[in-house]
């Protein structure tokens, strides 16, 4: 990033042109039409523009690399399939079924089919039910 001020100074005079190009770059057809309608640059300007176009990806890549190094790494692992609210609702529903005389394992299987997830996912949610206090269950309507 130490070279950034020098690069900015070098390309500052072309800022207006590139700002116009960027504003018309919503899609390829619009950009092509804008470039065809625009004034023809001198051979010197054309060479400069081509050079800039070729170097922009490398400048962006370097900038993005520097920026991403300051970000924390991804947490890793597979994302959870159920939100915390869904997990609480699942435990509540299993409890209701158990209260109606359905075995816990059969209740878990029913809920797994209802939510379209594996039995093991439901079992994990059921195992974590002790982490919630009794006031956090949904109220009946």
N, C-alpha and C. Protein backbone atom coordinates (compact mmCIF):
# COMPACT_ATOMS: atom_id res chain seq x y z
N UNK A 1 0.81 -1.19 0.00
CA UNK A 1 0.00 0.00 0.00
C UNK A 1 0.86 1.27 0.00
N UNK A 2 2.18 1.11 0.10
CA UNK A 2 3.06 2.28 0.09
C UNK A 2 3.10 2.93 -1.28
N UNK A 3 2.85 2.13 -2.32
CA UNK A 3 2.91 2.66 -3.68
C UNK A 3 1.60 3.31 -4.11
N UNK A 4 0.57 3.19 -3.30
CA UNK A 4 -0.75 3.70 -3.68
C UNK A 4 -0.74 5.19 -4.03
N UNK A 5 -0.12 6.06 -3.23
CA UNK A 5 -0.13 7.49 -3.60
C UNK A 5 0.51 7.75 -4.96
N UNK A 6 1.59 7.04 -5.27
CA UNK A 6 2.24 7.23 -6.57
C UNK A 6 1.34 6.76 -7.70
N UNK A 7 0.66 5.65 -7.50
CA UNK A 7 -0.25 5.13 -8.52
C UNK A 7 -1.41 6.09 -8.72
N UNK A 8 -1.93 6.64 -7.62
CA UNK A 8 -3.04 7.57 -7.71
C UNK A 8 -2.62 8.81 -8.49
N UNK A 9 -1.47 9.33 -8.21
CA UNK A 9 -0.99 10.52 -8.92
C UNK A 9 -0.80 10.24 -10.40
N UNK A 10 -0.30 9.06 -10.72
CA UNK A 10 -0.03 8.71 -12.11
C UNK A 10 -1.31 8.63 -12.93
N UNK A 11 -2.38 8.09 -12.32
CA UNK A 11 -3.62 7.85 -13.05
C UNK A 11 -4.71 8.88 -12.75
N UNK A 12 -4.40 9.91 -11.97
CA UNK A 12 -5.40 10.90 -11.57
C UNK A 12 -6.04 11.61 -12.76
N UNK A 13 -5.28 11.89 -13.79
CA UNK A 13 -5.83 12.63 -14.92
C UNK A 13 -6.83 11.81 -15.73
N UNK A 14 -6.82 10.49 -15.55
CA UNK A 14 -7.77 9.63 -16.26
C UNK A 14 -8.98 9.28 -15.41
N UNK A 15 -9.06 9.85 -14.24
CA UNK A 15 -10.15 9.51 -13.32
C UNK A 15 -11.52 9.82 -13.92
N UNK A 16 -11.67 10.98 -14.53
CA UNK A 16 -12.96 11.36 -15.12
C UNK A 16 -13.41 10.38 -16.19
N UNK A 17 -12.48 10.00 -17.06
CA UNK A 17 -12.79 9.05 -18.12
C UNK A 17 -13.22 7.71 -17.53
N UNK A 18 -12.46 7.23 -16.58
CA UNK A 18 -12.79 5.92 -16.01
C UNK A 18 -14.05 5.97 -15.16
N UNK A 19 -14.34 7.12 -14.58
CA UNK A 19 -15.59 7.26 -13.84
C UNK A 19 -16.77 7.17 -14.80
N UNK A 20 -16.66 7.79 -15.97
CA UNK A 20 -17.71 7.68 -16.98
C UNK A 20 -17.86 6.24 -17.46
N UNK A 21 -16.75 5.59 -17.72
CA UNK A 21 -16.79 4.20 -18.17
C UNK A 21 -17.45 3.34 -17.10
N UNK A 22 -17.07 3.53 -15.86
CA UNK A 22 -17.62 2.73 -14.75
C UNK A 22 -19.13 2.95 -14.61
N UNK A 23 -19.57 4.20 -14.78
CA UNK A 23 -21.00 4.50 -14.67
C UNK A 23 -21.82 3.86 -15.78
N UNK A 24 -21.18 3.57 -16.91
CA UNK A 24 -21.89 2.95 -18.03
C UNK A 24 -21.59 1.46 -18.14
N UNK A 25 -21.00 0.88 -17.13
CA UNK A 25 -20.61 -0.53 -17.19
C UNK A 25 -21.59 -1.44 -16.47
N UNK A 26 -22.89 -1.17 -16.58
CA UNK A 26 -23.90 -2.01 -15.93
C UNK A 26 -23.97 -3.38 -16.59
N UNK A 27 -23.75 -3.42 -17.91
CA UNK A 27 -23.67 -4.68 -18.62
C UNK A 27 -22.78 -4.48 -19.84
N UNK A 28 -22.46 -5.56 -20.49
CA UNK A 28 -21.50 -5.51 -21.60
C UNK A 28 -22.03 -4.68 -22.77
N UNK A 29 -23.31 -4.84 -23.09
CA UNK A 29 -23.87 -4.11 -24.24
C UNK A 29 -23.86 -2.60 -24.00
N UNK A 30 -24.24 -2.19 -22.79
CA UNK A 30 -24.25 -0.75 -22.49
C UNK A 30 -22.84 -0.17 -22.53
N UNK A 31 -21.88 -0.91 -22.00
CA UNK A 31 -20.49 -0.44 -22.01
C UNK A 31 -19.96 -0.34 -23.44
N UNK A 32 -20.25 -1.36 -24.25
CA UNK A 32 -19.79 -1.34 -25.65
C UNK A 32 -20.39 -0.16 -26.40
N UNK A 33 -21.68 0.08 -26.21
CA UNK A 33 -22.32 1.22 -26.88
C UNK A 33 -21.70 2.54 -26.42
N UNK A 34 -21.40 2.66 -25.13
CA UNK A 34 -20.79 3.89 -24.63
C UNK A 34 -19.41 4.11 -25.25
N UNK A 35 -18.62 3.05 -25.32
CA UNK A 35 -17.27 3.18 -25.87
C UNK A 35 -17.29 3.49 -27.36
N UNK A 36 -18.27 2.95 -28.07
CA UNK A 36 -18.37 3.22 -29.51
C UNK A 36 -18.80 4.67 -29.75
N UNK A 37 -19.74 5.17 -28.96
CA UNK A 37 -20.24 6.55 -29.11
C UNK A 37 -19.22 7.59 -28.68
N UNK A 38 -18.35 7.24 -27.76
CA UNK A 38 -17.42 8.21 -27.19
C UNK A 38 -16.37 8.68 -28.18
N UNK A 39 -15.65 9.75 -27.82
CA UNK A 39 -14.61 10.27 -28.71
C UNK A 39 -13.43 9.30 -28.78
N UNK A 40 -12.77 9.29 -29.92
CA UNK A 40 -11.61 8.43 -30.09
C UNK A 40 -10.42 9.02 -29.36
N UNK A 41 -9.75 8.26 -28.51
CA UNK A 41 -8.57 8.78 -27.83
C UNK A 41 -7.38 8.80 -28.79
N UNK A 42 -6.41 9.61 -28.43
CA UNK A 42 -5.18 9.65 -29.23
C UNK A 42 -4.44 8.32 -29.03
N UNK A 43 -3.51 7.98 -29.90
CA UNK A 43 -2.78 6.71 -29.73
C UNK A 43 -2.07 6.62 -28.38
N UNK A 44 -1.56 7.76 -27.91
CA UNK A 44 -0.87 7.77 -26.60
C UNK A 44 -1.87 7.47 -25.48
N UNK A 45 -3.04 8.12 -25.53
CA UNK A 45 -4.06 7.86 -24.51
C UNK A 45 -4.56 6.43 -24.58
N UNK A 46 -4.72 5.91 -25.81
CA UNK A 46 -5.20 4.55 -25.99
C UNK A 46 -4.23 3.55 -25.36
N UNK A 47 -2.95 3.77 -25.56
CA UNK A 47 -1.94 2.88 -24.97
C UNK A 47 -1.99 2.96 -23.44
N UNK A 48 -2.18 4.15 -22.92
CA UNK A 48 -2.28 4.33 -21.46
C UNK A 48 -3.52 3.62 -20.92
N UNK A 49 -4.65 3.78 -21.60
CA UNK A 49 -5.89 3.16 -21.17
C UNK A 49 -5.77 1.64 -21.19
N UNK A 50 -5.20 1.10 -22.25
CA UNK A 50 -5.02 -0.35 -22.34
C UNK A 50 -4.11 -0.86 -21.22
N UNK A 51 -3.05 -0.12 -20.94
CA UNK A 51 -2.15 -0.50 -19.86
C UNK A 51 -2.88 -0.50 -18.52
N UNK A 52 -3.68 0.54 -18.29
CA UNK A 52 -4.43 0.61 -17.04
C UNK A 52 -5.43 -0.53 -16.93
N UNK A 53 -6.13 -0.81 -18.01
CA UNK A 53 -7.11 -1.90 -17.99
C UNK A 53 -6.42 -3.22 -17.67
N UNK A 54 -5.25 -3.42 -18.18
CA UNK A 54 -4.52 -4.67 -17.91
C UNK A 54 -4.01 -4.75 -16.47
N UNK A 55 -3.71 -3.61 -15.85
CA UNK A 55 -3.15 -3.64 -14.49
C UNK A 55 -4.20 -3.57 -13.40
N UNK A 56 -5.43 -3.14 -13.72
CA UNK A 56 -6.47 -3.01 -12.70
C UNK A 56 -6.72 -4.33 -11.95
N UNK A 57 -6.85 -5.47 -12.63
CA UNK A 57 -7.09 -6.71 -11.86
C UNK A 57 -6.00 -7.01 -10.83
N UNK A 58 -4.75 -6.73 -11.19
CA UNK A 58 -3.66 -6.99 -10.25
C UNK A 58 -3.68 -6.03 -9.08
N UNK A 59 -4.03 -4.77 -9.35
CA UNK A 59 -4.13 -3.79 -8.27
C UNK A 59 -5.27 -4.16 -7.33
N UNK A 60 -6.41 -4.56 -7.89
CA UNK A 60 -7.54 -4.97 -7.06
C UNK A 60 -7.20 -6.22 -6.25
N UNK A 61 -6.55 -7.16 -6.88
CA UNK A 61 -6.19 -8.40 -6.17
C UNK A 61 -5.31 -8.10 -4.97
N UNK A 62 -4.33 -7.26 -5.17
CA UNK A 62 -3.42 -6.91 -4.07
C UNK A 62 -4.18 -6.19 -2.96
N UNK A 63 -5.07 -5.28 -3.33
CA UNK A 63 -5.85 -4.56 -2.33
C UNK A 63 -6.75 -5.50 -1.54
N UNK A 64 -7.39 -6.44 -2.25
CA UNK A 64 -8.26 -7.39 -1.57
C UNK A 64 -7.47 -8.32 -0.67
N UNK A 65 -6.29 -8.72 -1.09
CA UNK A 65 -5.46 -9.60 -0.25
C UNK A 65 -5.10 -8.89 1.05
N UNK A 66 -4.70 -7.63 0.94
CA UNK A 66 -4.35 -6.87 2.14
C UNK A 66 -5.56 -6.73 3.06
N UNK A 67 -6.72 -6.47 2.48
CA UNK A 67 -7.92 -6.29 3.29
C UNK A 67 -8.36 -7.59 3.95
N UNK A 68 -8.26 -8.70 3.23
CA UNK A 68 -8.72 -9.97 3.80
C UNK A 68 -7.81 -10.48 4.90
N UNK A 69 -6.57 -10.08 4.91
CA UNK A 69 -5.66 -10.53 5.97
C UNK A 69 -6.07 -9.97 7.33
N UNK A 70 -6.76 -8.85 7.34
CA UNK A 70 -7.18 -8.26 8.61
C UNK A 70 -8.49 -8.86 9.11
N UNK A 71 -9.17 -9.67 8.30
CA UNK A 71 -10.44 -10.28 8.71
C UNK A 71 -10.19 -11.57 9.49
N UNK A 72 -11.10 -11.91 10.40
CA UNK A 72 -10.92 -13.18 11.13
C UNK A 72 -11.17 -14.36 10.21
N UNK A 73 -10.58 -15.52 10.52
CA UNK A 73 -10.81 -16.69 9.67
C UNK A 73 -12.23 -17.22 9.83
N UNK A 74 -12.67 -18.01 8.86
CA UNK A 74 -14.00 -18.59 8.96
C UNK A 74 -14.03 -19.61 10.10
N UNK A 75 -15.19 -19.78 10.73
CA UNK A 75 -15.25 -20.66 11.89
C UNK A 75 -15.02 -22.13 11.55
N UNK A 76 -15.23 -22.50 10.31
CA UNK A 76 -15.05 -23.89 9.91
C UNK A 76 -16.21 -24.75 10.35
N UNK A 77 -16.15 -25.98 9.95
CA UNK A 77 -17.22 -26.90 10.31
C UNK A 77 -18.45 -26.69 9.46
N UNK A 78 -19.33 -27.64 9.56
CA UNK A 78 -20.57 -27.57 8.81
C UNK A 78 -21.54 -26.63 9.49
N UNK A 79 -22.24 -25.79 8.72
CA UNK A 79 -23.21 -24.88 9.34
C UNK A 79 -24.37 -25.66 9.95
N UNK A 80 -24.93 -25.12 11.01
CA UNK A 80 -26.06 -25.77 11.67
C UNK A 80 -27.28 -25.72 10.75
N UNK A 81 -28.05 -26.81 10.79
CA UNK A 81 -29.25 -26.88 9.95
C UNK A 81 -30.44 -26.21 10.61
N UNK A 82 -30.43 -26.12 11.92
CA UNK A 82 -31.58 -25.59 12.65
C UNK A 82 -31.18 -24.34 13.42
N UNK A 83 -32.04 -23.35 13.42
CA UNK A 83 -31.79 -22.14 14.20
C UNK A 83 -32.08 -22.43 15.67
N UNK A 84 -31.59 -21.59 16.57
CA UNK A 84 -31.88 -21.81 18.00
C UNK A 84 -33.38 -21.82 18.30
N UNK A 85 -34.15 -21.00 17.59
CA UNK A 85 -35.59 -21.00 17.81
C UNK A 85 -36.21 -22.32 17.38
N UNK A 86 -35.74 -22.85 16.25
CA UNK A 86 -36.25 -24.14 15.78
C UNK A 86 -35.88 -25.25 16.76
N UNK A 87 -34.68 -25.19 17.32
CA UNK A 87 -34.25 -26.21 18.27
C UNK A 87 -35.16 -26.19 19.51
N UNK A 88 -35.47 -25.01 19.98
CA UNK A 88 -36.36 -24.91 21.15
C UNK A 88 -37.75 -25.43 20.82
N UNK A 89 -38.24 -25.06 19.64
CA UNK A 89 -39.56 -25.53 19.22
C UNK A 89 -39.58 -27.05 19.08
N UNK A 90 -38.53 -27.63 18.55
CA UNK A 90 -38.43 -29.08 18.40
C UNK A 90 -38.49 -29.76 19.76
N UNK A 91 -37.73 -29.26 20.71
CA UNK A 91 -37.74 -29.85 22.05
C UNK A 91 -39.12 -29.73 22.68
N UNK A 92 -39.74 -28.62 22.47
CA UNK A 92 -41.10 -28.42 23.01
C UNK A 92 -42.06 -29.43 22.39
N UNK A 93 -41.97 -29.63 21.07
CA UNK A 93 -42.85 -30.58 20.40
C UNK A 93 -42.58 -32.01 20.83
N UNK A 94 -41.32 -32.37 21.01
CA UNK A 94 -40.99 -33.72 21.49
C UNK A 94 -41.57 -33.90 22.89
N UNK A 95 -41.44 -32.89 23.72
CA UNK A 95 -42.01 -32.95 25.07
C UNK A 95 -43.51 -33.14 25.06
N UNK A 96 -44.18 -32.45 24.13
CA UNK A 96 -45.63 -32.59 24.01
C UNK A 96 -46.01 -34.01 23.61
N UNK A 97 -45.30 -34.54 22.61
CA UNK A 97 -45.58 -35.90 22.17
C UNK A 97 -45.31 -36.91 23.28
N UNK A 98 -44.22 -36.70 24.01
CA UNK A 98 -43.89 -37.60 25.12
C UNK A 98 -45.00 -37.54 26.18
N UNK A 99 -45.51 -36.35 26.41
CA UNK A 99 -46.60 -36.18 27.36
C UNK A 99 -47.87 -36.89 26.92
N UNK A 100 -48.01 -37.11 25.62
CA UNK A 100 -49.18 -37.82 25.09
C UNK A 100 -48.96 -39.33 25.05
N UNK A 101 -47.81 -39.78 25.55
CA UNK A 101 -47.54 -41.21 25.62
C UNK A 101 -46.68 -41.76 24.50
N UNK A 102 -46.15 -40.92 23.63
CA UNK A 102 -45.29 -41.38 22.54
C UNK A 102 -43.87 -41.53 23.09
N UNK A 103 -43.21 -42.63 22.73
CA UNK A 103 -41.82 -42.83 23.16
C UNK A 103 -40.95 -41.70 22.58
N UNK A 104 -39.89 -41.35 23.32
CA UNK A 104 -39.03 -40.24 22.92
C UNK A 104 -38.43 -40.49 21.54
N UNK A 105 -37.94 -41.70 21.30
CA UNK A 105 -37.31 -41.99 20.01
C UNK A 105 -38.33 -41.87 18.87
N UNK A 106 -39.54 -42.35 19.08
CA UNK A 106 -40.57 -42.23 18.04
C UNK A 106 -40.95 -40.77 17.82
N UNK A 107 -41.01 -39.99 18.89
CA UNK A 107 -41.30 -38.56 18.77
C UNK A 107 -40.18 -37.86 17.98
N UNK A 108 -38.95 -38.24 18.26
CA UNK A 108 -37.82 -37.64 17.53
C UNK A 108 -37.90 -37.98 16.04
N UNK A 109 -38.27 -39.21 15.73
CA UNK A 109 -38.39 -39.60 14.32
C UNK A 109 -39.49 -38.80 13.62
N UNK A 110 -40.61 -38.60 14.30
CA UNK A 110 -41.70 -37.82 13.71
C UNK A 110 -41.26 -36.39 13.42
N UNK A 111 -40.59 -35.80 14.40
CA UNK A 111 -40.14 -34.41 14.25
C UNK A 111 -39.09 -34.30 13.15
N UNK A 112 -38.22 -35.30 13.05
CA UNK A 112 -37.20 -35.29 11.99
C UNK A 112 -37.87 -35.29 10.62
N UNK A 113 -38.90 -36.10 10.45
CA UNK A 113 -39.63 -36.11 9.17
C UNK A 113 -40.32 -34.78 8.93
N UNK A 114 -40.89 -34.21 9.97
CA UNK A 114 -41.62 -32.95 9.85
C UNK A 114 -40.69 -31.81 9.42
N UNK A 115 -39.48 -31.78 9.96
CA UNK A 115 -38.52 -30.70 9.64
C UNK A 115 -37.62 -31.04 8.46
N UNK A 116 -37.67 -32.28 8.00
CA UNK A 116 -36.84 -32.67 6.86
C UNK A 116 -35.36 -32.74 7.18
N UNK A 117 -35.01 -33.13 8.41
CA UNK A 117 -33.62 -33.28 8.81
C UNK A 117 -33.42 -34.70 9.33
N UNK A 118 -32.17 -35.04 9.62
CA UNK A 118 -31.88 -36.39 10.08
C UNK A 118 -32.28 -36.56 11.55
N UNK A 119 -32.45 -37.81 11.92
CA UNK A 119 -32.77 -38.13 13.31
C UNK A 119 -31.65 -37.63 14.23
N UNK A 120 -30.43 -37.77 13.80
CA UNK A 120 -29.28 -37.34 14.62
C UNK A 120 -29.33 -35.84 14.89
N UNK A 121 -29.75 -35.05 13.93
CA UNK A 121 -29.87 -33.60 14.13
C UNK A 121 -30.89 -33.30 15.22
N UNK A 122 -32.00 -34.02 15.19
CA UNK A 122 -33.04 -33.83 16.21
C UNK A 122 -32.52 -34.29 17.57
N UNK A 123 -31.76 -35.38 17.60
CA UNK A 123 -31.21 -35.86 18.86
C UNK A 123 -30.23 -34.86 19.46
N UNK A 124 -29.46 -34.20 18.62
CA UNK A 124 -28.53 -33.17 19.13
C UNK A 124 -29.30 -32.01 19.76
N UNK A 125 -30.37 -31.61 19.08
CA UNK A 125 -31.20 -30.52 19.63
C UNK A 125 -31.80 -30.96 20.96
N UNK A 126 -32.24 -32.19 21.05
CA UNK A 126 -32.84 -32.71 22.29
C UNK A 126 -31.81 -32.76 23.41
N UNK A 127 -30.59 -33.12 23.08
CA UNK A 127 -29.52 -33.18 24.10
C UNK A 127 -29.20 -31.81 24.65
N UNK A 128 -29.37 -30.78 23.87
CA UNK A 128 -29.03 -29.42 24.30
C UNK A 128 -30.16 -28.74 25.06
N UNK A 129 -31.26 -29.42 25.28
CA UNK A 129 -32.41 -28.78 25.92
C UNK A 129 -32.11 -28.33 27.33
N UNK A 130 -31.15 -28.94 28.00
CA UNK A 130 -30.80 -28.55 29.36
C UNK A 130 -30.14 -27.19 29.44
N UNK A 131 -29.67 -26.68 28.33
CA UNK A 131 -29.01 -25.37 28.32
C UNK A 131 -30.00 -24.22 28.41
N UNK A 132 -31.27 -24.49 28.12
CA UNK A 132 -32.28 -23.44 28.13
C UNK A 132 -33.03 -23.46 29.45
N UNK A 133 -33.42 -22.30 29.90
CA UNK A 133 -34.23 -22.28 31.13
C UNK A 133 -35.70 -22.56 30.79
N UNK A 134 -36.47 -22.88 31.76
CA UNK A 134 -37.85 -23.31 31.52
C UNK A 134 -38.73 -22.18 31.00
N UNK A 135 -38.34 -20.93 31.18
CA UNK A 135 -39.16 -19.79 30.72
C UNK A 135 -38.99 -19.51 29.23
N UNK A 136 -38.06 -20.20 28.57
CA UNK A 136 -37.77 -19.87 27.18
C UNK A 136 -38.60 -20.67 26.20
N UNK A 137 -39.45 -21.61 26.65
CA UNK A 137 -40.25 -22.39 25.73
C UNK A 137 -41.38 -21.55 25.17
N UNK A 138 -41.79 -21.82 23.93
CA UNK A 138 -42.88 -21.04 23.34
C UNK A 138 -44.18 -21.25 24.10
N UNK A 139 -44.95 -20.20 24.13
CA UNK A 139 -46.23 -20.26 24.82
C UNK A 139 -47.30 -20.77 23.89
N UNK A 140 -48.23 -21.51 24.42
CA UNK A 140 -49.32 -22.03 23.60
C UNK A 140 -50.31 -20.92 23.32
N UNK A 141 -50.90 -20.98 22.14
CA UNK A 141 -51.89 -19.97 21.77
C UNK A 141 -53.27 -20.56 21.71
